[in-house]
Amino acid sequence: MKKDNVIQEKSFQFALKIIGLYKILIAQKEFIISKQLLRSATSIGANVQESTAAYSRKDFTHKLSISSKEARETKYWLMLLNESDLVEVDLKEYINDVDELIRILTAIVKSSQG
């Protein structure tokens, strides 16, 4: 993976981090929301990766828009887990990480549309 593509690297590292969190959540017997979280969080980077093969600016923007939506969904699941007391894990760091991804993706999408 190219180290000069910030969003590609950050989304990949975030996915790895969420996979680690998923293992912790499963160990704490949280199976439903953790699966939703895993799917949306890993989808962020998958769509970023797909955007690198976009055939047009519109396609590129569309893929990154999907990534942005997946990031927002991921934030929702993290906040739900954090506020529900279903698990005993401090999720603030994960929420901060996804907030950063949302900011970066929003900036890229806005600049690509203009």
PDB file of N, CA and C in Angstrom:
ATOM      1  N   MET A   1       0.841  -1.176   0.000  1.00  0.00           N
ATOM      2  CA  MET A   1       0.000   0.000   0.000  1.00  0.00           C
ATOM      3  C   MET A   1       0.887   1.240   0.000  1.00  0.00           C
ATOM      4  N   LYS A   2       0.530   2.200  -0.825  1.00  0.00           N
ATOM      5  CA  LYS A   2       1.292   3.438  -0.893  1.00  0.00           C
ATOM      6  C   LYS A   2       1.213   4.191   0.424  1.00  0.00           C
ATOM      7  N   LYS A   3       2.341   4.662   0.882  1.00  0.00           N
ATOM      8  CA  LYS A   3       2.369   5.419   2.130  1.00  0.00           C
ATOM      9  C   LYS A   3       1.983   6.881   1.910  1.00  0.00           C
ATOM     10  N   ASP A   4       1.977   7.344   0.642  1.00  0.00           N
ATOM     11  CA  ASP A   4       1.672   8.740   0.377  1.00  0.00           C
ATOM     12  C   ASP A   4       0.175   9.000   0.231  1.00  0.00           C
ATOM     13  N   ASN A   5      -0.651   7.976   0.235  1.00  0.00           N
ATOM     14  CA  ASN A   5      -2.096   8.143   0.169  1.00  0.00           C
ATOM     15  C   ASN A   5      -2.637   8.081   1.601  1.00  0.00           C
ATOM     16  N   VAL A   6      -2.816   9.248   2.194  1.00  0.00           N
ATOM     17  CA  VAL A   6      -3.158   9.351   3.618  1.00  0.00           C
ATOM     18  C   VAL A   6      -4.468   8.644   3.936  1.00  0.00           C
ATOM     19  N   ILE A   7      -5.510   8.887   3.163  1.00  0.00           N
ATOM     20  CA  ILE A   7      -6.808   8.287   3.478  1.00  0.00           C
ATOM     21  C   ILE A   7      -6.772   6.775   3.285  1.00  0.00           C
ATOM     22  N   GLN A   8      -6.027   6.321   2.312  1.00  0.00           N
ATOM     23  CA  GLN A   8      -5.904   4.873   2.093  1.00  0.00           C
ATOM     24  C   GLN A   8      -5.213   4.225   3.298  1.00  0.00           C
ATOM     25  N   GLU A   9      -4.136   4.807   3.745  1.00  0.00           N
ATOM     26  CA  GLU A   9      -3.387   4.260   4.880  1.00  0.00           C
ATOM     27  C   GLU A   9      -4.197   4.340   6.179  1.00  0.00           C
ATOM     28  N   LYS A  10      -4.809   5.490   6.428  1.00  0.00           N
ATOM     29  CA  LYS A  10      -5.579   5.661   7.672  1.00  0.00           C
ATOM     30  C   LYS A  10      -6.805   4.745   7.716  1.00  0.00           C
ATOM     31  N   SER A  11      -7.476   4.591   6.595  1.00  0.00           N
ATOM     32  CA  SER A  11      -8.659   3.729   6.587  1.00  0.00           C
ATOM     33  C   SER A  11      -8.264   2.255   6.756  1.00  0.00           C
ATOM     34  N   PHE A  12      -7.121   1.874   6.192  1.00  0.00           N
ATOM     35  CA  PHE A  12      -6.630   0.498   6.353  1.00  0.00           C
ATOM     36  C   PHE A  12      -6.237   0.240   7.812  1.00  0.00           C
ATOM     37  N   GLN A  13      -5.505   1.157   8.410  1.00  0.00           N
ATOM     38  CA  GLN A  13      -5.094   1.003   9.813  1.00  0.00           C
ATOM     39  C   GLN A  13      -6.308   0.991  10.740  1.00  0.00           C
ATOM     40  N   PHE A  14      -7.303   1.815  10.428  1.00  0.00           N
ATOM     41  CA  PHE A  14      -8.524   1.844  11.224  1.00  0.00           C
ATOM     42  C   PHE A  14      -9.242   0.493  11.133  1.00  0.00           C
ATOM     43  N   ALA A  15      -9.299  -0.082   9.943  1.00  0.00           N
ATOM     44  CA  ALA A  15      -9.941  -1.394   9.778  1.00  0.00           C
ATOM     45  C   ALA A  15      -9.234  -2.451  10.625  1.00  0.00           C
ATOM     46  N   LEU A  16      -7.915  -2.426  10.609  1.00  0.00           N
ATOM     47  CA  LEU A  16      -7.157  -3.379  11.443  1.00  0.00           C
ATOM     48  C   LEU A  16      -7.469  -3.177  12.927  1.00  0.00           C
ATOM     49  N   LYS A  17      -7.551  -1.926  13.325  1.00  0.00           N
ATOM     50  CA  LYS A  17      -7.854  -1.603  14.723  1.00  0.00           C
ATOM     51  C   LYS A  17      -9.256  -2.108  15.103  1.00  0.00           C
ATOM     52  N   ILE A  18     -10.200  -1.949  14.193  1.00  0.00           N
ATOM     53  CA  ILE A  18     -11.570  -2.405  14.448  1.00  0.00           C
ATOM     54  C   ILE A  18     -11.633  -3.934  14.497  1.00  0.00           C
ATOM     55  N   ILE A  19     -10.839  -4.597  13.697  1.00  0.00           N
ATOM     56  CA  ILE A  19     -10.785  -6.062  13.771  1.00  0.00           C
ATOM     57  C   ILE A  19     -10.331  -6.488  15.168  1.00  0.00           C
ATOM     58  N   GLY A  20      -9.343  -5.800  15.712  1.00  0.00           N
ATOM     59  CA  GLY A  20      -8.908  -6.076  17.087  1.00  0.00           C
ATOM     60  C   GLY A  20     -10.012  -5.816  18.092  1.00  0.00           C
ATOM     61  N   LEU A  21     -10.734  -4.714  17.909  1.00  0.00           N
ATOM     62  CA  LEU A  21     -11.861  -4.397  18.794  1.00  0.00           C
ATOM     63  C   LEU A  21     -12.946  -5.456  18.672  1.00  0.00           C
ATOM     64  N   TYR A  22     -13.211  -5.898  17.455  1.00  0.00           N
ATOM     65  CA  TYR A  22     -14.218  -6.940  17.224  1.00  0.00           C
ATOM     66  C   TYR A  22     -13.907  -8.185  18.048  1.00  0.00           C
ATOM     67  N   LYS A  23     -12.654  -8.581  18.079  1.00  0.00           N
ATOM     68  CA  LYS A  23     -12.250  -9.748  18.870  1.00  0.00           C
ATOM     69  C   LYS A  23     -12.544  -9.533  20.359  1.00  0.00           C
ATOM     70  N   ILE A  24     -12.295  -8.329  20.842  1.00  0.00           N
ATOM     71  CA  ILE A  24     -12.580  -8.001  22.243  1.00  0.00           C
ATOM     72  C   ILE A  24     -14.086  -8.054  22.503  1.00  0.00           C
ATOM     73  N   LEU A  25     -14.867  -7.493  21.581  1.00  0.00           N
ATOM     74  CA  LEU A  25     -16.322  -7.476  21.750  1.00  0.00           C
ATOM     75  C   LEU A  25     -16.902  -8.883  21.747  1.00  0.00           C
ATOM     76  N   ILE A  26     -16.391  -9.725  20.873  1.00  0.00           N
ATOM     77  CA  ILE A  26     -16.853 -11.120  20.819  1.00  0.00           C
ATOM     78  C   ILE A  26     -16.505 -11.833  22.129  1.00  0.00           C
ATOM     79  N   ALA A  27     -15.322 -11.560  22.653  1.00  0.00           N
ATOM     80  CA  ALA A  27     -14.917 -12.173  23.923  1.00  0.00           C
ATOM     81  C   ALA A  27     -15.829 -11.736  25.063  1.00  0.00           C
ATOM     82  N   GLN A  28     -16.404 -10.526  24.915  1.00  0.00           N
ATOM     83  CA  GLN A  28     -17.344 -10.035  25.931  1.00  0.00           C
ATOM     84  C   GLN A  28     -18.795 -10.401  25.577  1.00  0.00           C
ATOM     85  N   LYS A  29     -18.939 -11.308  24.632  1.00  0.00           N
ATOM     86  CA  LYS A  29     -20.240 -11.862  24.238  1.00  0.00           C
ATOM     87  C   LYS A  29     -21.176 -10.829  23.612  1.00  0.00           C
ATOM     88  N   GLU A  30     -20.609  -9.889  22.872  1.00  0.00           N
ATOM     89  CA  GLU A  30     -21.421  -8.932  22.121  1.00  0.00           C
ATOM     90  C   GLU A  30     -21.291  -9.325  20.653  1.00  0.00           C
ATOM     91  N   PHE A  31     -22.353  -9.912  20.107  1.00  0.00           N
ATOM     92  CA  PHE A  31     -22.279 -10.500  18.769  1.00  0.00           C
ATOM     93  C   PHE A  31     -23.010  -9.705  17.688  1.00  0.00           C
ATOM     94  N   ILE A  32     -24.006  -8.943  18.036  1.00  0.00           N
ATOM     95  CA  ILE A  32     -24.863  -8.297  17.033  1.00  0.00           C
ATOM     96  C   ILE A  32     -24.281  -6.965  16.553  1.00  0.00           C
ATOM     97  N   ILE A  33     -24.144  -6.016  17.450  1.00  0.00           N
ATOM     98  CA  ILE A  33     -23.635  -4.696  17.069  1.00  0.00           C
ATOM     99  C   ILE A  33     -22.186  -4.805  16.605  1.00  0.00           C
ATOM    100  N   SER A  34     -21.432  -5.693  17.219  1.00  0.00           N
ATOM    101  CA  SER A  34     -20.029  -5.853  16.820  1.00  0.00           C
ATOM    102  C   SER A  34     -19.908  -6.280  15.360  1.00  0.00           C
ATOM    103  N   LYS A  35     -20.816  -7.115  14.887  1.00  0.00           N
ATOM    104  CA  LYS A  35     -20.798  -7.552  13.485  1.00  0.00           C
ATOM    105  C   LYS A  35     -21.131  -6.383  12.559  1.00  0.00           C
ATOM    106  N   GLN A  36     -22.103  -5.564  12.948  1.00  0.00           N
ATOM    107  CA  GLN A  36     -22.458  -4.378  12.163  1.00  0.00           C
ATOM    108  C   GLN A  36     -21.266  -3.423  12.101  1.00  0.00           C
ATOM    109  N   LEU A  37     -20.624  -3.243  13.252  1.00  0.00           N
ATOM    110  CA  LEU A  37     -19.457  -2.363  13.341  1.00  0.00           C
ATOM    111  C   LEU A  37     -18.335  -2.868  12.431  1.00  0.00           C
ATOM    112  N   LEU A  38     -18.066  -4.147  12.490  1.00  0.00           N
ATOM    113  CA  LEU A  38     -17.007  -4.735  11.658  1.00  0.00           C
ATOM    114  C   LEU A  38     -17.283  -4.512  10.175  1.00  0.00           C
ATOM    115  N   ARG A  39     -18.511  -4.724   9.769  1.00  0.00           N
ATOM    116  CA  ARG A  39     -18.872  -4.563   8.350  1.00  0.00           C
ATOM    117  C   ARG A  39     -18.722  -3.123   7.888  1.00  0.00           C
ATOM    118  N   SER A  40     -19.279  -2.189   8.653  1.00  0.00           N
ATOM    119  CA  SER A  40     -19.215  -0.786   8.207  1.00  0.00           C
ATOM    120  C   SER A  40     -17.794  -0.244   8.272  1.00  0.00           C
ATOM    121  N   ALA A  41     -17.054  -0.593   9.306  1.00  0.00           N
ATOM    122  CA  ALA A  41     -15.695  -0.057   9.471  1.00  0.00           C
ATOM    123  C   ALA A  41     -14.738  -0.575   8.405  1.00  0.00           C
ATOM    124  N   THR A  42     -14.854  -1.842   8.047  1.00  0.00           N
ATOM    125  CA  THR A  42     -13.958  -2.375   7.021  1.00  0.00           C
ATOM    126  C   THR A  42     -14.386  -1.918   5.623  1.00  0.00           C
ATOM    127  N   SER A  43     -15.635  -1.558   5.476  1.00  0.00           N
ATOM    128  CA  SER A  43     -16.131  -1.054   4.200  1.00  0.00           C
ATOM    129  C   SER A  43     -15.563   0.329   3.866  1.00  0.00           C
ATOM    130  N   ILE A  44     -15.200   1.091   4.878  1.00  0.00           N
ATOM    131  CA  ILE A  44     -14.609   2.419   4.642  1.00  0.00           C
ATOM    132  C   ILE A  44     -13.388   2.269   3.746  1.00  0.00           C
ATOM    133  N   GLY A  45     -12.442   1.468   4.179  1.00  0.00           N
ATOM    134  CA  GLY A  45     -11.205   1.277   3.431  1.00  0.00           C
ATOM    135  C   GLY A  45     -11.408   0.550   2.114  1.00  0.00           C
ATOM    136  N   ALA A  46     -12.370  -0.361   2.075  1.00  0.00           N
ATOM    137  CA  ALA A  46     -12.637  -1.087   0.826  1.00  0.00           C
ATOM    138  C   ALA A  46     -13.088  -0.123  -0.265  1.00  0.00           C
ATOM    139  N   ASN A  47     -13.937   0.821   0.093  1.00  0.00           N
ATOM    140  CA  ASN A  47     -14.400   1.797  -0.891  1.00  0.00           C
ATOM    141  C   ASN A  47     -13.318   2.816  -1.238  1.00  0.00           C
ATOM    142  N   VAL A  48     -12.480   3.159  -0.282  1.00  0.00           N
ATOM    143  CA  VAL A  48     -11.332   4.020  -0.582  1.00  0.00           C
ATOM    144  C   VAL A  48     -10.442   3.310  -1.595  1.00  0.00           C
ATOM    145  N   GLN A  49     -10.193   2.037  -1.368  1.00  0.00           N
ATOM    146  CA  GLN A  49      -9.363   1.243  -2.290  1.00  0.00           C
ATOM    147  C   GLN A  49      -9.985   1.209  -3.682  1.00  0.00           C
ATOM    148  N   GLU A  50     -11.294   0.994  -3.739  1.00  0.00           N
ATOM    149  CA  GLU A  50     -11.976   0.975  -5.036  1.00  0.00           C
ATOM    150  C   GLU A  50     -11.859   2.323  -5.746  1.00  0.00           C
ATOM    151  N   SER A  51     -11.856   3.397  -4.992  1.00  0.00           N
ATOM    152  CA  SER A  51     -11.781   4.738  -5.601  1.00  0.00           C
ATOM    153  C   SER A  51     -10.483   4.943  -6.372  1.00  0.00           C
ATOM    154  N   THR A  52      -9.454   4.195  -6.029  1.00  0.00           N
ATOM    155  CA  THR A  52      -8.170   4.353  -6.717  1.00  0.00           C
ATOM    156  C   THR A  52      -8.231   3.821  -8.150  1.00  0.00           C
ATOM    157  N   ALA A  53      -9.256   3.041  -8.459  1.00  0.00           N
ATOM    158  CA  ALA A  53      -9.434   2.519  -9.812  1.00  0.00           C
ATOM    159  C   ALA A  53     -10.625   3.169 -10.512  1.00  0.00           C
ATOM    160  N   ALA A  54     -11.044   4.313 -10.010  1.00  0.00           N
ATOM    161  CA  ALA A  54     -12.203   4.997 -10.594  1.00  0.00           C
ATOM    162  C   ALA A  54     -11.933   5.356 -12.053  1.00  0.00           C
ATOM    163  N   TYR A  55     -12.971   5.264 -12.869  1.00  0.00           N
ATOM    164  CA  TYR A  55     -12.833   5.565 -14.291  1.00  0.00           C
ATOM    165  C   TYR A  55     -13.174   7.016 -14.621  1.00  0.00           C
ATOM    166  N   SER A  56     -13.656   7.762 -13.632  1.00  0.00           N
ATOM    167  CA  SER A  56     -13.967   9.176 -13.839  1.00  0.00           C
ATOM    168  C   SER A  56     -13.961   9.889 -12.487  1.00  0.00           C
ATOM    169  N   ARG A  57     -13.959  11.198 -12.529  1.00  0.00           N
ATOM    170  CA  ARG A  57     -14.026  11.978 -11.291  1.00  0.00           C
ATOM    171  C   ARG A  57     -15.338  11.695 -10.558  1.00  0.00           C
ATOM    172  N   LYS A  58     -16.412  11.544 -11.310  1.00  0.00           N
ATOM    173  CA  LYS A  58     -17.720  11.254 -10.710  1.00  0.00           C
ATOM    174  C   LYS A  58     -17.690   9.901  -9.982  1.00  0.00           C
ATOM    175  N   ASP A  59     -17.080   8.898 -10.603  1.00  0.00           N
ATOM    176  CA  ASP A  59     -16.962   7.571  -9.990  1.00  0.00           C
ATOM    177  C   ASP A  59     -16.095   7.644  -8.729  1.00  0.00           C
ATOM    178  N   PHE A  60     -14.991   8.374  -8.815  1.00  0.00           N
ATOM    179  CA  PHE A  60     -14.096   8.575  -7.673  1.00  0.00           C
ATOM    180  C   PHE A  60     -14.860   9.202  -6.500  1.00  0.00           C
ATOM    181  N   THR A  61     -15.584  10.270  -6.799  1.00  0.00           N
ATOM    182  CA  THR A  61     -16.355  10.967  -5.763  1.00  0.00           C
ATOM    183  C   THR A  61     -17.426  10.060  -5.174  1.00  0.00           C
ATOM    184  N   HIS A  62     -18.070   9.278  -6.030  1.00  0.00           N
ATOM    185  CA  HIS A  62     -19.112   8.363  -5.568  1.00  0.00           C
ATOM    186  C   HIS A  62     -18.547   7.332  -4.581  1.00  0.00           C
ATOM    187  N   LYS A  63     -17.406   6.731  -4.917  1.00  0.00           N
ATOM    188  CA  LYS A  63     -16.794   5.725  -4.035  1.00  0.00           C
ATOM    189  C   LYS A  63     -16.416   6.337  -2.683  1.00  0.00           C
ATOM    190  N   LEU A  64     -15.854   7.537  -2.717  1.00  0.00           N
ATOM    191  CA  LEU A  64     -15.460   8.181  -1.459  1.00  0.00           C
ATOM    192  C   LEU A  64     -16.680   8.661  -0.678  1.00  0.00           C
ATOM    193  N   SER A  65     -17.763   8.981  -1.373  1.00  0.00           N
ATOM    194  CA  SER A  65     -19.017   9.325  -0.680  1.00  0.00           C
ATOM    195  C   SER A  65     -19.548   8.116   0.075  1.00  0.00           C
ATOM    196  N   ILE A  66     -19.436   6.952  -0.537  1.00  0.00           N
ATOM    197  CA  ILE A  66     -19.854   5.719   0.140  1.00  0.00           C
ATOM    198  C   ILE A  66     -18.969   5.495   1.374  1.00  0.00           C
ATOM    199  N   SER A  67     -17.674   5.707   1.227  1.00  0.00           N
ATOM    200  CA  SER A  67     -16.757   5.579   2.372  1.00  0.00           C
ATOM    201  C   SER A  67     -17.169   6.504   3.504  1.00  0.00           C
ATOM    202  N   SER A  68     -17.524   7.727   3.147  1.00  0.00           N
ATOM    203  CA  SER A  68     -17.952   8.710   4.153  1.00  0.00           C
ATOM    204  C   SER A  68     -19.215   8.236   4.875  1.00  0.00           C
ATOM    205  N   LYS A  69     -20.160   7.693   4.123  1.00  0.00           N
ATOM    206  CA  LYS A  69     -21.392   7.181   4.735  1.00  0.00           C
ATOM    207  C   LYS A  69     -21.100   5.997   5.651  1.00  0.00           C
ATOM    208  N   GLU A  70     -20.208   5.123   5.218  1.00  0.00           N
ATOM    209  CA  GLU A  70     -19.826   3.978   6.047  1.00  0.00           C
ATOM    210  C   GLU A  70     -19.127   4.440   7.324  1.00  0.00           C
ATOM    211  N   ALA A  71     -18.325   5.491   7.213  1.00  0.00           N
ATOM    212  CA  ALA A  71     -17.651   6.041   8.395  1.00  0.00           C
ATOM    213  C   ALA A  71     -18.667   6.592   9.382  1.00  0.00           C
ATOM    214  N   ARG A  72     -19.677   7.258   8.867  1.00  0.00           N
ATOM    215  CA  ARG A  72     -20.732   7.803   9.744  1.00  0.00           C
ATOM    216  C   ARG A  72     -21.530   6.675  10.401  1.00  0.00           C
ATOM    217  N   GLU A  73     -21.790   5.611   9.652  1.00  0.00           N
ATOM    218  CA  GLU A  73     -22.467   4.450  10.238  1.00  0.00           C
ATOM    219  C   GLU A  73     -21.595   3.825  11.328  1.00  0.00           C
ATOM    220  N   THR A  74     -20.310   3.731  11.057  1.00  0.00           N
ATOM    221  CA  THR A  74     -19.368   3.178  12.033  1.00  0.00           C
ATOM    222  C   THR A  74     -19.397   4.003  13.317  1.00  0.00           C
ATOM    223  N   LYS A  75     -19.413   5.316  13.165  1.00  0.00           N
ATOM    224  CA  LYS A  75     -19.475   6.184  14.344  1.00  0.00           C
ATOM    225  C   LYS A  75     -20.752   5.907  15.138  1.00  0.00           C
ATOM    226  N   TYR A  76     -21.861   5.702  14.451  1.00  0.00           N
ATOM    227  CA  TYR A  76     -23.118   5.399  15.115  1.00  0.00           C
ATOM    228  C   TYR A  76     -23.004   4.138  15.973  1.00  0.00           C
ATOM    229  N   TRP A  77     -22.455   3.064  15.401  1.00  0.00           N
ATOM    230  CA  TRP A  77     -22.325   1.806  16.143  1.00  0.00           C
ATOM    231  C   TRP A  77     -21.387   1.972  17.337  1.00  0.00           C
ATOM    232  N   LEU A  78     -20.301   2.717  17.141  1.00  0.00           N
ATOM    233  CA  LEU A  78     -19.366   2.954  18.253  1.00  0.00           C
ATOM    234  C   LEU A  78     -20.040   3.744  19.376  1.00  0.00           C
ATOM    235  N   MET A  79     -20.788   4.767  19.007  1.00  0.00           N
ATOM    236  CA  MET A  79     -21.476   5.571  20.022  1.00  0.00           C
ATOM    237  C   MET A  79     -22.540   4.750  20.739  1.00  0.00           C
ATOM    238  N   LEU A  80     -23.240   3.913  20.000  1.00  0.00           N
ATOM    239  CA  LEU A  80     -24.261   3.050  20.597  1.00  0.00           C
ATOM    240  C   LEU A  80     -23.636   2.084  21.598  1.00  0.00           C
ATOM    241  N   LEU A  81     -22.541   1.465  21.214  1.00  0.00           N
ATOM    242  CA  LEU A  81     -21.836   0.574  22.137  1.00  0.00           C
ATOM    243  C   LEU A  81     -21.327   1.337  23.354  1.00  0.00           C
ATOM    244  N   ASN A  82     -20.808   2.527  23.118  1.00  0.00           N
ATOM    245  CA  ASN A  82     -20.241   3.336  24.193  1.00  0.00           C
ATOM    246  C   ASN A  82     -21.298   3.741  25.221  1.00  0.00           C
ATOM    247  N   GLU A  83     -22.466   4.110  24.733  1.00  0.00           N
ATOM    248  CA  GLU A  83     -23.529   4.613  25.622  1.00  0.00           C
ATOM    249  C   GLU A  83     -24.400   3.506  26.216  1.00  0.00           C
ATOM    250  N   SER A  84     -24.385   2.323  25.640  1.00  0.00           N
ATOM    251  CA  SER A  84     -25.305   1.256  26.059  1.00  0.00           C
ATOM    252  C   SER A  84     -24.796   0.434  27.236  1.00  0.00           C
ATOM    253  N   ASP A  85     -23.520   0.511  27.514  1.00  0.00           N
ATOM    254  CA  ASP A  85     -22.919  -0.311  28.566  1.00  0.00           C
ATOM    255  C   ASP A  85     -23.053  -1.808  28.297  1.00  0.00           C
ATOM    256  N   LEU A  86     -23.126  -2.184  27.022  1.00  0.00           N
ATOM    257  CA  LEU A  86     -23.160  -3.607  26.669  1.00  0.00           C
ATOM    258  C   LEU A  86     -21.804  -4.266  26.881  1.00  0.00           C
ATOM    259  N   VAL A  87     -20.745  -3.471  26.745  1.00  0.00           N
ATOM    260  CA  VAL A  87     -19.386  -3.990  26.879  1.00  0.00           C
ATOM    261  C   VAL A  87     -18.567  -3.059  27.767  1.00  0.00           C
ATOM    262  N   GLU A  88     -17.474  -3.594  28.256  1.00  0.00           N
ATOM    263  CA  GLU A  88     -16.577  -2.803  29.095  1.00  0.00           C
ATOM    264  C   GLU A  88     -15.308  -2.482  28.312  1.00  0.00           C
ATOM    265  N   VAL A  89     -15.454  -1.553  27.372  1.00  0.00           N
ATOM    266  CA  VAL A  89     -14.341  -1.128  26.536  1.00  0.00           C
ATOM    267  C   VAL A  89     -14.438   0.388  26.392  1.00  0.00           C
ATOM    268  N   ASP A  90     -13.322   1.062  26.532  1.00  0.00           N
ATOM    269  CA  ASP A  90     -13.294   2.511  26.304  1.00  0.00           C
ATOM    270  C   ASP A  90     -13.197   2.743  24.803  1.00  0.00           C
ATOM    271  N   LEU A  91     -14.217   3.333  24.234  1.00  0.00           N
ATOM    272  CA  LEU A  91     -14.294   3.480  22.784  1.00  0.00           C
ATOM    273  C   LEU A  91     -13.965   4.888  22.294  1.00  0.00           C
ATOM    274  N   LYS A  92     -13.566   5.772  23.194  1.00  0.00           N
ATOM    275  CA  LYS A  92     -13.291   7.161  22.797  1.00  0.00           C
ATOM    276  C   LYS A  92     -12.238   7.263  21.696  1.00  0.00           C
ATOM    277  N   GLU A  93     -11.192   6.478  21.794  1.00  0.00           N
ATOM    278  CA  GLU A  93     -10.121   6.514  20.797  1.00  0.00           C
ATOM    279  C   GLU A  93     -10.646   6.113  19.410  1.00  0.00           C
ATOM    280  N   TYR A  94     -11.499   5.099  19.369  1.00  0.00           N
ATOM    281  CA  TYR A  94     -12.074   4.653  18.105  1.00  0.00           C
ATOM    282  C   TYR A  94     -12.986   5.723  17.515  1.00  0.00           C
ATOM    283  N   ILE A  95     -13.760   6.373  18.379  1.00  0.00           N
ATOM    284  CA  ILE A  95     -14.651   7.448  17.934  1.00  0.00           C
ATOM    285  C   ILE A  95     -13.827   8.616  17.396  1.00  0.00           C
ATOM    286  N   ASN A  96     -12.740   8.950  18.071  1.00  0.00           N
ATOM    287  CA  ASN A  96     -11.858  10.019  17.574  1.00  0.00           C
ATOM    288  C   ASN A  96     -11.257   9.648  16.220  1.00  0.00           C
ATOM    289  N   ASP A  97     -10.852   8.398  16.073  1.00  0.00           N
ATOM    290  CA  ASP A  97     -10.273   7.933  14.808  1.00  0.00           C
ATOM    291  C   ASP A  97     -11.278   8.037  13.663  1.00  0.00           C
ATOM    292  N   VAL A  98     -12.518   7.610  13.911  1.00  0.00           N
ATOM    293  CA  VAL A  98     -13.512   7.656  12.838  1.00  0.00           C
ATOM    294  C   VAL A  98     -13.908   9.094  12.539  1.00  0.00           C
ATOM    295  N   ASP A  99     -13.907   9.958  13.552  1.00  0.00           N
ATOM    296  CA  ASP A  99     -14.169  11.383  13.309  1.00  0.00           C
ATOM    297  C   ASP A  99     -13.116  11.971  12.369  1.00  0.00           C
ATOM    298  N   GLU A 100     -11.865  11.574  12.554  1.00  0.00           N
ATOM    299  CA  GLU A 100     -10.795  12.044  11.677  1.00  0.00           C
ATOM    300  C   GLU A 100     -11.017  11.546  10.248  1.00  0.00           C
ATOM    301  N   LEU A 101     -11.389  10.287  10.095  1.00  0.00           N
ATOM    302  CA  LEU A 101     -11.677   9.750   8.763  1.00  0.00           C
ATOM    303  C   LEU A 101     -12.832  10.501   8.106  1.00  0.00           C
ATOM    304  N   ILE A 102     -13.867  10.793   8.876  1.00  0.00           N
ATOM    305  CA  ILE A 102     -15.018  11.534   8.351  1.00  0.00           C
ATOM    306  C   ILE A 102     -14.577  12.910   7.857  1.00  0.00           C
ATOM    307  N   ARG A 103     -13.753  13.605   8.640  1.00  0.00           N
ATOM    308  CA  ARG A 103     -13.270  14.940   8.233  1.00  0.00           C
ATOM    309  C   ARG A 103     -12.464  14.865   6.943  1.00  0.00           C
ATOM    310  N   ILE A 104     -11.569  13.899   6.854  1.00  0.00           N
ATOM    311  CA  ILE A 104     -10.726  13.760   5.655  1.00  0.00           C
ATOM    312  C   ILE A 104     -11.587  13.417   4.435  1.00  0.00           C
ATOM    313  N   LEU A 105     -12.463  12.446   4.583  1.00  0.00           N
ATOM    314  CA  LEU A 105     -13.308  12.029   3.461  1.00  0.00           C
ATOM    315  C   LEU A 105     -14.228  13.158   3.004  1.00  0.00           C
ATOM    316  N   THR A 106     -14.784  13.897   3.942  1.00  0.00           N
ATOM    317  CA  THR A 106     -15.654  15.027   3.600  1.00  0.00           C
ATOM    318  C   THR A 106     -14.882  16.068   2.805  1.00  0.00           C
ATOM    319  N   ALA A 107     -13.665  16.359   3.238  1.00  0.00           N
ATOM    320  CA  ALA A 107     -12.838  17.347   2.527  1.00  0.00           C
ATOM    321  C   ALA A 107     -12.501  16.867   1.114  1.00  0.00           C
ATOM    322  N   ILE A 108     -12.169  15.595   0.966  1.00  0.00           N
ATOM    323  CA  ILE A 108     -11.838  15.067  -0.362  1.00  0.00           C
ATOM    324  C   ILE A 108     -13.065  15.109  -1.280  1.00  0.00           C
ATOM    325  N   VAL A 109     -14.205  14.681  -0.766  1.00  0.00           N
ATOM    326  CA  VAL A 109     -15.428  14.670  -1.580  1.00  0.00           C
ATOM    327  C   VAL A 109     -15.791  16.094  -1.999  1.00  0.00           C
ATOM    328  N   LYS A 110     -15.735  17.029  -1.067  1.00  0.00           N
ATOM    329  CA  LYS A 110     -16.086  18.425  -1.402  1.00  0.00           C
ATOM    330  C   LYS A 110     -15.131  18.990  -2.440  1.00  0.00           C
ATOM    331  N   SER A 111     -13.840  18.740  -2.303  1.00  0.00           N
ATOM    332  CA  SER A 111     -12.879  19.283  -3.266  1.00  0.00           C
ATOM    333  C   SER A 111     -12.982  18.588  -4.622  1.00  0.00           C
ATOM    334  N   SER A 112     -13.428  17.341  -4.646  1.00  0.00           N
ATOM    335  CA  SER A 112     -13.569  16.608  -5.903  1.00  0.00           C
ATOM    336  C   SER A 112     -14.803  17.041  -6.684  1.00  0.00           C
ATOM    337  N   GLN A 113     -15.781  17.563  -5.970  1.00  0.00           N
ATOM    338  CA  GLN A 113     -17.016  17.996  -6.615  1.00  0.00           C
ATOM    339  C   GLN A 113     -16.872  19.383  -7.243  1.00  0.00           C
ATOM    340  N   GLY A 114     -15.918  20.155  -6.748  1.00  0.00           N
ATOM    341  CA  GLY A 114     -15.792  21.536  -7.195  1.00  0.00           C
ATOM    342  C   GLY A 114     -14.955  21.738  -8.338  1.00  0.00           C
TER     343      GLY A 114
END
